Amino acid sequence: MPVEITMNGQLGLMLPSDDGHRAVLSFVVGDGRIARIDAVRNPDKLRRV
């Protein structure tokens, strides 16, 4: 189940997976619309999440 988080000051979702790794999606919003979605799955970058 996705978990709402804040990543680098932006709204994000943490997505757990069956293999024990996580993925994080962060959303950049401009003019009330999603302008960009950044995805991070590197475990070294997600240690603090």
C-alpha atoms as a PDB file:
ATOM      1  CA  MET A   1       0.000   0.000   0.000  1.00  0.00           C
ATOM      2  CA  PRO A   2       1.458   3.417  -0.948  1.00  0.00           C
ATOM      3  CA  VAL A   3       2.391   5.749   1.917  1.00  0.00           C
ATOM      4  CA  GLU A   4       2.232   9.540   1.542  1.00  0.00           C
ATOM      5  CA  ILE A   5       5.574  11.198   2.382  1.00  0.00           C
ATOM      6  CA  THR A   6       7.498  14.428   1.845  1.00  0.00           C
ATOM      7  CA  MET A   7      10.609  13.983  -0.305  1.00  0.00           C
ATOM      8  CA  ASN A   8      12.927  16.956  -0.866  1.00  0.00           C
ATOM      9  CA  GLY A   9      10.097  19.264   0.199  1.00  0.00           C
ATOM     10  CA  GLN A  10       7.669  17.813  -2.358  1.00  0.00           C
ATOM     11  CA  LEU A  11       4.641  15.592  -2.006  1.00  0.00           C
ATOM     12  CA  GLY A  12       5.558  11.973  -2.610  1.00  0.00           C
ATOM     13  CA  LEU A  13       4.510   8.358  -2.360  1.00  0.00           C
ATOM     14  CA  MET A  14       6.578   5.502  -0.995  1.00  0.00           C
ATOM     15  CA  LEU A  15       5.782   2.220  -2.707  1.00  0.00           C
ATOM     16  CA  PRO A  16       6.901  -0.936  -0.894  1.00  0.00           C
ATOM     17  CA  SER A  17       7.434  -4.067  -2.981  1.00  0.00           C
ATOM     18  CA  ASP A  18       7.424  -7.795  -2.365  1.00  0.00           C
ATOM     19  CA  ASP A  19      11.207  -8.005  -2.768  1.00  0.00           C
ATOM     20  CA  GLY A  20      11.770  -5.739   0.274  1.00  0.00           C
ATOM     21  CA  HIS A  21      12.955  -2.753  -1.745  1.00  0.00           C
ATOM     22  CA  ARG A  22      11.100   0.541  -1.886  1.00  0.00           C
ATOM     23  CA  ALA A  23      10.435   3.059  -4.588  1.00  0.00           C
ATOM     24  CA  VAL A  24       9.592   6.701  -4.022  1.00  0.00           C
ATOM     25  CA  LEU A  25       7.722   8.932  -6.439  1.00  0.00           C
ATOM     26  CA  SER A  26       7.874  12.687  -5.844  1.00  0.00           C
ATOM     27  CA  PHE A  27       5.612  15.127  -7.612  1.00  0.00           C
ATOM     28  CA  VAL A  28       6.532  18.626  -8.779  1.00  0.00           C
ATOM     29  CA  VAL A  29       3.382  20.735  -9.068  1.00  0.00           C
ATOM     30  CA  GLY A  30       3.087  23.901 -11.136  1.00  0.00           C
ATOM     31  CA  ASP A  31      -0.044  25.919 -11.828  1.00  0.00           C
ATOM     32  CA  GLY A  32      -2.117  23.366  -9.922  1.00  0.00           C
ATOM     33  CA  ARG A  33      -0.995  20.487 -12.157  1.00  0.00           C
ATOM     34  CA  ILE A  34       1.628  17.779 -11.888  1.00  0.00           C
ATOM     35  CA  ALA A  35       4.535  19.071 -13.975  1.00  0.00           C
ATOM     36  CA  ARG A  36       7.023  16.275 -13.271  1.00  0.00           C
ATOM     37  CA  ILE A  37       7.219  12.933 -11.486  1.00  0.00           C
ATOM     38  CA  ASP A  38      10.614  11.841 -10.177  1.00  0.00           C
ATOM     39  CA  ALA A  39      11.152   8.171  -9.301  1.00  0.00           C
ATOM     40  CA  VAL A  40      13.875   6.881  -6.973  1.00  0.00           C
ATOM     41  CA  ARG A  41      14.517   3.203  -6.308  1.00  0.00           C
ATOM     42  CA  ASN A  42      18.202   3.294  -5.351  1.00  0.00           C
ATOM     43  CA  PRO A  43      18.365   1.927  -1.754  1.00  0.00           C
ATOM     44  CA  ASP A  44      21.371   4.138  -0.950  1.00  0.00           C
ATOM     45  CA  LYS A  45      19.303   7.242  -1.693  1.00  0.00           C
ATOM     46  CA  LEU A  46      16.296   5.968   0.317  1.00  0.00           C
ATOM     47  CA  ARG A  47      18.025   5.175   3.613  1.00  0.00           C
ATOM     48  CA  ARG A  48      16.366   8.086   5.449  1.00  0.00           C
ATOM     49  CA  VAL A  49      12.876   7.429   4.088  1.00  0.00           C
END
